[in-house]
Protein backbone atom coordinates (compact mmCIF):
# COMPACT_ATOMS: atom_id res chain seq x y z
CA UNK A 1 60.01 54.49 27.69
CA UNK A 2 62.23 51.17 27.62
CA UNK A 3 58.87 49.25 27.83
CA UNK A 4 57.56 50.98 24.79
CA UNK A 5 60.92 50.60 22.84
CA UNK A 6 60.70 46.96 23.32
CA UNK A 7 57.33 46.77 22.19
CA UNK A 8 57.76 48.68 19.09
CA UNK A 9 57.60 46.98 15.64
CA UNK A 10 61.30 48.24 14.85
CA UNK A 11 62.58 46.62 18.15
CA UNK A 12 60.87 43.33 17.54
CA UNK A 13 61.97 43.00 14.04
CA UNK A 14 65.41 43.63 14.82
CA UNK A 15 65.17 40.71 17.53
CA UNK A 16 63.69 38.73 14.87
CA UNK A 17 66.75 39.20 12.62
CA UNK A 18 69.21 38.71 14.94
CA UNK A 19 68.11 35.17 15.30
CA UNK A 20 68.50 34.46 11.79
CA UNK A 21 71.67 36.39 11.10
CA UNK A 22 74.77 35.14 9.28
CA UNK A 23 77.37 33.43 11.31
CA UNK A 24 80.57 35.61 11.46
CA UNK A 25 83.92 33.76 10.67
CA UNK A 26 84.80 33.07 14.40
CA UNK A 27 81.97 31.00 14.70
CA UNK A 28 82.52 28.89 11.81
CA UNK A 29 86.10 28.52 12.85
CA UNK A 30 84.79 27.25 16.41
CA UNK A 31 82.66 24.91 14.73
CA UNK A 32 85.31 23.71 12.40
CA UNK A 33 87.91 23.12 15.37
CA UNK A 34 85.38 21.42 17.59
CA UNK A 35 84.29 19.01 14.65
CA UNK A 36 87.54 18.08 14.17
CA UNK A 37 88.20 17.40 17.89
CA UNK A 38 85.12 15.08 17.55
CA UNK A 39 86.34 12.77 14.35
CA UNK A 40 89.77 12.90 15.34
CA UNK A 41 89.44 12.16 19.07
CA UNK A 42 86.53 9.39 18.46
CA UNK A 43 88.69 7.72 15.86
CA UNK A 44 91.66 7.59 17.98
CA UNK A 45 90.33 6.47 20.97
CA UNK A 46 88.43 3.93 19.72
CA UNK A 47 91.44 2.30 17.67
CA UNK A 48 93.79 2.68 20.96
CA UNK A 49 90.97 0.77 23.15
CA UNK A 50 90.88 -2.15 20.55
CA UNK A 51 94.90 -1.97 20.79
CA UNK A 52 95.06 -2.26 24.52
CA UNK A 53 92.78 -5.15 24.17
CA UNK A 54 94.69 -6.76 21.20
CA UNK A 55 97.90 -6.81 22.94
CA UNK A 56 97.26 -8.04 26.40
CA UNK A 57 94.97 -5.88 28.62
CA UNK A 58 92.21 -7.23 30.18
CA UNK A 59 90.44 -4.51 32.75
CA UNK A 60 87.23 -3.01 31.27
CA UNK A 61 87.91 -0.81 34.33
CA UNK A 62 91.01 0.43 33.19
CA UNK A 63 89.95 0.83 29.41
CA UNK A 64 86.97 3.08 31.24
CA UNK A 65 89.51 4.92 33.43
CA UNK A 66 91.42 5.57 30.19
CA UNK A 67 88.24 7.48 28.58
CA UNK A 68 87.70 9.49 31.64
CA UNK A 69 90.97 10.65 33.30
CA UNK A 70 92.36 13.21 30.82
CA UNK A 71 90.45 16.13 31.93
CA UNK A 72 93.19 17.67 33.55
CA UNK A 73 94.57 18.59 29.89
CA UNK A 74 91.50 20.76 30.01
CA UNK A 75 92.02 23.14 32.70
CA UNK A 76 94.51 25.48 31.34
CA UNK A 77 92.44 26.04 28.35
CA UNK A 78 89.55 26.64 30.98
CA UNK A 79 91.64 29.32 33.07
CA UNK A 80 92.62 31.29 29.81
CA UNK A 81 89.02 31.14 28.42
CA UNK A 82 88.02 34.86 28.75
CA UNK A 83 84.82 35.34 31.26
CA UNK A 84 81.61 36.69 30.01
CA UNK A 85 80.86 40.29 31.18
CA UNK A 86 77.43 39.84 33.10
CA UNK A 87 75.09 42.31 34.20
CA UNK A 88 73.26 42.23 37.55
CA UNK A 89 70.38 40.75 36.23
CA UNK A 90 72.14 37.84 34.71
CA UNK A 91 74.15 37.41 37.41
CA UNK A 92 71.07 36.74 39.60
CA UNK A 93 69.60 34.27 37.35
CA UNK A 94 72.79 31.69 37.44
CA UNK A 95 72.22 28.81 39.47
CA UNK A 96 73.21 27.81 42.81
CA UNK A 97 76.02 25.96 43.66
CA UNK A 98 73.43 23.04 44.97
CA UNK A 99 72.04 22.75 41.62
CA UNK A 100 75.11 22.70 39.50
CA UNK A 101 76.67 20.00 42.16
CA UNK A 102 73.77 17.60 41.33
CA UNK A 103 74.06 18.44 37.68
CA UNK A 104 77.70 17.81 37.34
CA UNK A 105 77.28 14.68 39.50
CA UNK A 106 74.32 13.26 37.33
CA UNK A 107 76.26 13.75 34.35
CA UNK A 108 79.57 12.36 35.53
CA UNK A 109 77.28 9.26 36.74
CA UNK A 110 75.98 8.85 33.42
CA UNK A 111 79.29 9.43 31.50
CA UNK A 112 80.97 6.70 33.40
CA UNK A 113 78.00 4.34 32.70
CA UNK A 114 78.35 5.17 28.89
CA UNK A 115 82.27 4.59 29.13
CA UNK A 116 82.02 1.68 31.19
CA UNK A 117 79.26 0.04 28.05
CA UNK A 118 81.63 1.31 25.47
CA UNK A 119 84.55 -0.50 26.90
CA UNK A 120 82.56 -3.78 27.11
CA UNK A 121 81.38 -3.50 24.00
CA UNK A 122 84.89 -2.82 22.59
CA UNK A 123 85.96 -5.94 24.26
CA UNK A 124 83.68 -8.50 22.64
CA UNK A 125 83.06 -6.89 19.34
CA UNK A 126 85.63 -6.30 16.36
CA UNK A 127 86.27 -2.33 16.27
CA UNK A 128 84.49 -1.68 13.08
CA UNK A 129 81.46 -3.65 14.07
CA UNK A 130 81.53 -1.45 17.47
CA UNK A 131 81.70 1.59 15.59
CA UNK A 132 79.14 0.91 12.95
CA UNK A 133 76.45 0.29 15.71
CA UNK A 134 77.46 3.30 17.51
CA UNK A 135 75.70 5.11 14.26
CA UNK A 136 72.28 4.10 15.98
CA UNK A 137 72.95 6.64 18.38
CA UNK A 138 71.65 9.33 15.92
CA UNK A 139 68.32 7.71 16.35
CA UNK A 140 68.33 7.99 20.00
CA UNK A 141 69.35 11.63 19.93
CA UNK A 142 66.84 12.72 17.75
CA UNK A 143 64.31 10.92 19.57
CA UNK A 144 65.36 12.68 22.86
CA UNK A 145 65.56 15.94 20.92
CA UNK A 146 62.03 15.69 19.70
CA UNK A 147 60.40 15.46 23.60
CA UNK A 148 63.01 17.45 24.79
CA UNK A 149 63.69 20.22 22.48
CA UNK A 150 60.55 19.94 19.99
CA UNK A 151 62.80 18.91 17.13
CA UNK A 152 61.08 19.15 13.68
CA UNK A 153 61.17 15.86 11.91
CA UNK A 154 61.30 16.56 7.86
CA UNK A 155 61.38 13.75 5.08
CA UNK A 156 65.07 14.12 4.92
CA UNK A 157 65.86 13.63 8.65
CA UNK A 158 63.29 11.05 9.37
CA UNK A 159 65.05 9.22 5.69
CA UNK A 160 68.63 9.93 7.96
CA UNK A 161 67.21 8.15 11.11
CA UNK A 162 65.91 4.97 9.44
CA UNK A 163 69.02 4.58 7.15
CA UNK A 164 70.99 4.73 10.34
CA UNK A 165 68.89 2.36 12.43
CA UNK A 166 68.94 -0.52 9.60
CA UNK A 167 72.91 0.11 9.14
CA UNK A 168 72.97 -0.88 12.51
CA UNK A 169 70.75 -3.47 12.77
CA UNK A 170 72.03 -5.43 10.13
CA UNK A 171 75.07 -6.26 11.75
CA UNK A 172 73.22 -8.84 14.23
CA UNK A 173 72.83 -10.97 10.99
CA UNK A 174 76.71 -11.63 10.79
CA UNK A 175 77.58 -15.17 10.10
CA UNK A 176 81.13 -14.80 11.56
CA UNK A 177 80.71 -12.29 14.90
CA UNK A 178 84.20 -13.90 16.19
CA UNK A 179 86.38 -12.40 13.57
CA UNK A 180 88.80 -10.86 15.43
CA UNK A 181 89.18 -13.13 18.45
CA UNK A 182 87.87 -16.40 19.69
CA UNK A 183 84.37 -14.69 21.40
CA UNK A 184 81.36 -16.64 21.94
CA UNK A 185 77.86 -15.89 20.81
CA UNK A 186 77.02 -14.84 24.42
CA UNK A 187 79.36 -12.66 24.75
CA UNK A 188 79.20 -11.17 21.38
CA UNK A 189 75.35 -10.49 22.27
CA UNK A 190 76.77 -8.78 25.92
CA UNK A 191 78.79 -6.78 23.38
CA UNK A 192 76.09 -5.92 21.09
CA UNK A 193 73.35 -4.93 23.97
CA UNK A 194 76.24 -3.01 25.99
CA UNK A 195 77.03 -0.86 22.35
CA UNK A 196 73.34 -0.31 21.96
CA UNK A 197 72.71 0.89 25.42
CA UNK A 198 76.14 3.19 24.99
CA UNK A 199 74.57 4.66 22.10
CA UNK A 200 71.04 5.14 23.68
CA UNK A 201 72.80 6.63 26.74
CA UNK A 202 75.08 8.94 24.89
CA UNK A 203 71.84 10.23 22.77
CA UNK A 204 70.48 10.81 26.17
CA UNK A 205 73.51 12.87 27.56
CA UNK A 206 73.66 15.21 24.57
CA UNK A 207 69.85 16.22 24.68
CA UNK A 208 70.11 16.74 28.29
CA UNK A 209 73.80 18.82 28.15
CA UNK A 210 71.56 21.16 25.43
CA UNK A 211 68.87 21.80 27.80
CA UNK A 212 71.49 22.44 30.42
CA UNK A 213 73.35 24.91 28.35
CA UNK A 214 70.21 26.63 27.50
CA UNK A 215 68.31 26.56 30.81
CA UNK A 216 70.90 26.90 33.47
CA UNK A 217 74.76 27.54 32.27
CA UNK A 218 73.87 30.55 29.95
CA UNK A 219 76.84 32.40 28.50
CA UNK A 220 78.57 33.09 25.37
CA UNK A 221 81.96 32.03 25.96
CA UNK A 222 84.16 28.49 25.70
CA UNK A 223 84.42 28.56 29.50
CA UNK A 224 81.18 26.84 29.76
CA UNK A 225 81.94 24.32 27.74
CA UNK A 226 85.22 23.69 29.58
CA UNK A 227 83.42 23.80 33.23
CA UNK A 228 81.11 21.02 32.06
CA UNK A 229 83.90 18.68 30.63
CA UNK A 230 86.13 19.07 33.83
CA UNK A 231 83.48 18.60 36.35
CA UNK A 232 81.66 15.66 35.02
CA UNK A 233 84.93 14.12 33.89
CA UNK A 234 86.18 14.57 37.80
CA UNK A 235 83.18 12.94 38.74
CA UNK A 236 83.18 9.98 36.35
CA UNK A 237 87.11 9.38 37.05
CA UNK A 238 86.33 9.21 40.60
CA UNK A 239 83.84 6.62 40.10
CA UNK A 240 85.83 4.56 37.44
CA UNK A 241 88.48 4.60 40.10
CA UNK A 242 86.06 3.25 42.99
CA UNK A 243 84.60 0.63 40.41
CA UNK A 244 88.17 -0.74 39.53
CA UNK A 245 89.05 -1.41 43.25
CA UNK A 246 85.52 -2.85 44.14
CA UNK A 247 85.67 -5.18 41.30
CA UNK A 248 88.91 -6.54 42.42
CA UNK A 249 90.89 -6.12 38.89
CA UNK A 250 93.36 -3.47 40.47
CA UNK A 251 94.94 -6.79 41.86
CA UNK A 252 95.84 -8.02 38.27
CA UNK A 253 97.60 -4.63 37.22
CA UNK A 254 101.00 -5.42 37.74
CA UNK A 255 100.92 -8.86 35.66
CA UNK A 256 98.70 -7.15 33.07
CA UNK A 257 101.67 -4.58 32.67
CA UNK A 258 104.44 -7.37 32.79
CA UNK A 259 102.43 -9.35 30.20
CA UNK A 260 101.45 -6.53 27.64
CA UNK A 261 103.00 -7.56 24.33
CA UNK A 262 104.16 -3.96 23.18
CA UNK A 263 105.87 -3.67 26.58
CA UNK A 264 105.55 -1.27 29.83
CA UNK A 265 106.37 2.05 27.97
CA UNK A 266 103.96 1.25 25.16
CA UNK A 267 101.33 -0.02 27.89
CA UNK A 268 101.73 3.70 29.53
CA UNK A 269 101.44 5.49 26.43
CA UNK A 270 98.39 3.62 24.83
CA UNK A 271 96.36 4.59 28.18
CA UNK A 272 97.58 8.11 28.29
CA UNK A 273 97.09 8.62 24.43
CA UNK A 274 93.59 7.23 24.81
CA UNK A 275 92.83 9.57 27.42
CA UNK A 276 94.21 12.98 25.47
CA UNK A 277 91.99 11.60 22.53
CA UNK A 278 88.71 10.94 24.47
CA UNK A 279 89.16 14.41 26.37
CA UNK A 280 89.32 16.10 22.74
CA UNK A 281 86.10 14.14 21.58
CA UNK A 282 84.50 15.14 24.94
CA UNK A 283 85.29 18.79 24.30
CA UNK A 284 84.23 18.80 20.68
CA UNK A 285 81.12 17.42 21.46
CA UNK A 286 80.22 19.42 24.29
CA UNK A 287 81.53 22.76 21.94
CA UNK A 288 78.91 21.42 18.88
CA UNK A 289 76.12 21.47 21.45
CA UNK A 290 77.01 24.81 23.12
CA UNK A 291 77.44 26.55 19.58
CA UNK A 292 74.73 24.35 17.70
CA UNK A 293 72.67 21.56 18.94
CA UNK A 294 73.08 17.84 20.35
CA UNK A 295 71.67 16.47 17.31
CA UNK A 296 74.33 18.20 15.03
CA UNK A 297 77.04 17.36 17.13
CA UNK A 298 75.79 13.80 16.96
CA UNK A 299 75.60 13.89 13.32
CA UNK A 300 79.39 15.22 13.06
CA UNK A 301 80.23 11.97 15.43
CA UNK A 302 78.49 9.75 13.10
CA UNK A 303 80.38 11.41 10.03
CA UNK A 304 83.33 9.95 11.80
CA UNK A 305 82.19 6.50 12.31
CA UNK A 306 82.71 5.28 8.64
CA UNK A 307 86.45 6.10 9.38
CA UNK A 308 87.06 3.77 11.95
CA UNK A 309 86.36 0.41 10.22
CA UNK A 310 88.13 1.76 7.20
CA UNK A 311 91.22 2.18 9.71
CA UNK A 312 90.51 -1.03 11.21
CA UNK A 313 90.77 -3.09 8.10
CA UNK A 314 94.03 -1.36 8.05
CA UNK A 315 95.58 -1.83 11.22
CA UNK A 316 93.57 -4.49 12.73
CA UNK A 317 93.09 -6.91 9.54
CA UNK A 318 89.48 -6.56 10.33
CA UNK A 319 87.17 -8.37 7.52
CA UNK A 320 85.19 -5.98 5.65
CA UNK A 321 82.69 -8.51 4.62
CA UNK A 322 79.33 -7.49 2.37
CA UNK A 323 77.25 -6.71 5.85
CA UNK A 324 79.40 -4.47 7.12
CA UNK A 325 80.16 -2.49 3.83
CA UNK A 326 76.57 -2.11 2.97
CA UNK A 327 75.89 -0.70 6.65
CA UNK A 328 78.77 1.68 6.18
CA UNK A 329 76.88 2.80 2.68
CA UNK A 330 73.84 2.94 4.60
CA UNK A 331 75.54 5.11 7.44
CA UNK A 332 77.01 7.45 4.93
CA UNK A 333 73.75 8.05 3.02
CA UNK A 334 72.12 8.64 6.27
CA UNK A 335 74.29 11.20 7.27
CA UNK A 336 74.52 12.78 3.63
CA UNK A 337 70.60 13.01 3.92
CA UNK A 338 70.93 14.93 7.44
CA UNK A 339 73.37 17.44 6.01
CA UNK A 340 71.21 18.08 3.16
CA UNK A 341 68.58 19.11 5.75
CA UNK A 342 70.71 21.43 7.64
CA UNK A 343 71.72 22.82 3.99
CA UNK A 344 68.15 23.41 3.42
CA UNK A 345 67.50 25.35 6.78
CA UNK A 346 70.40 27.52 6.17
CA UNK A 347 69.11 28.43 2.91
CA UNK A 348 65.87 28.97 4.65
CA UNK A 349 67.34 31.17 7.23
CA UNK A 350 68.87 33.50 4.81
CA UNK A 351 65.86 33.93 2.98
CA UNK A 352 64.18 34.94 6.07
CA UNK A 353 67.16 37.46 7.06
CA UNK A 354 67.16 39.09 3.65
CA UNK A 355 63.05 39.55 3.86
CA UNK A 356 63.47 40.95 7.41
CA UNK A 357 66.19 43.14 6.37
CA UNK A 358 64.18 44.60 3.19
CA UNK A 359 61.17 44.97 5.50
CA UNK A 360 62.93 46.91 8.58
CA UNK A 361 64.36 49.31 5.83
CA UNK A 362 60.66 49.97 4.35
CA UNK A 363 59.22 53.50 5.03
CA UNK A 364 56.01 52.18 6.08
CA UNK A 365 57.70 50.32 9.28
CA UNK A 366 59.56 53.56 10.18
CA UNK A 367 55.93 55.44 10.17
CA UNK A 368 54.24 52.84 12.06
CA UNK A 369 57.27 53.04 14.96
C-alpha cells in the first residue's frame, strides 16, 4: 500500500511542490546571519592580517595559525545545536567513523594549504590588490561546480565569471606593485601566484564541501555545519603548529613580540581577533553551502571583497589607482550579474510552485489518483 501511495500522481506532485516551496522566515534569518558572518569575518581577518605584517610581524606560519586556531569558540554553539531526530533507515545510511575521519583530515590539509597561501599572498601584496585577486575564486568555484554539481551556465552567470576573471587579471598590469612596502617584482609575483592558488583551492574546497553535505553529512540542523568547522580546523591547526616548528620560525617569536610596534598586548589581541574573525567567516561560508550552494556562498564572499580595498585606503593608506578602481567596478558588476540570475531563478521557482499548486487542486488529478 505504501508503494502504491508513493507511485501515485498526487504523491509525486506533492514531492515536486516541496522542492519549489517558498522558504520560511527561519531559513531567511539563517541566510542573513551566515552572510553577515562571511562579509564581516572576511573583511576583518584580511585587514588584521595586513596589520600584523605592517607592525612588525614576519612569520607566515603564525599568520596561518591565527586564521585556524579560533575553532574552540564554535564548540559551545555545537553543543547547544539541537540534534536531528533520525529514523532507523537514516541512521544506517550515516558514514562510518573511518570515512568521516578521512574526509575531515583531507579538508583540514586543504584548509591549512589555503590559509598558508593566503598568508604569503598578503605578505607580498597590498591588501586591496590581494582582496581583488580573490574575486577570481568565484570563477574557479563555478568551474568545479559545473563538473561536480552539474551547474547550469546561463548568459548572466557567464557574464559574471568573465567580468570577475578580467577584474583580477587587470592587477597584473599595475605599474607600481610595491605600493605598501618595498617588495621586489619577484616577491610580488610569488604573492600573486599564491593568491591565485588560494582562490582556486578555496573554490575547489567549497564545491567538495557541498558534495560532502549532500552525499555524506545528511541532516537538517546547524550541528552539521559546526561539526565540519571544528574537525577540519582541528586538523588544520595541528598541521600549522607542526609547520611552525619544522620551519624554525618559532625561534624568532620572542623577538617578534618585543619588536611589535603596537606592544605585546596589541600583538596578542591582533592574533586573537584574527582567529575569531576567521572562524566567523568559515562558519558563514559553511552555513551558506549547507543551506543553499557553494556557488552562492562564494558569491556572498565576492560581495564583501570590494569593501576591503575601501577600508584599506582608509586605514592603511593604500593607493586606489585607476587599475584598482576599474577592477573593483568589474567585480561589483560581475556580482550584480550573478545576483540577477538568482532573482530570475527565484521567480521561476515561484511560478512552478504556483502552477503546481493549481494542478494539485484540479479535480482531474484527484480522479486519476
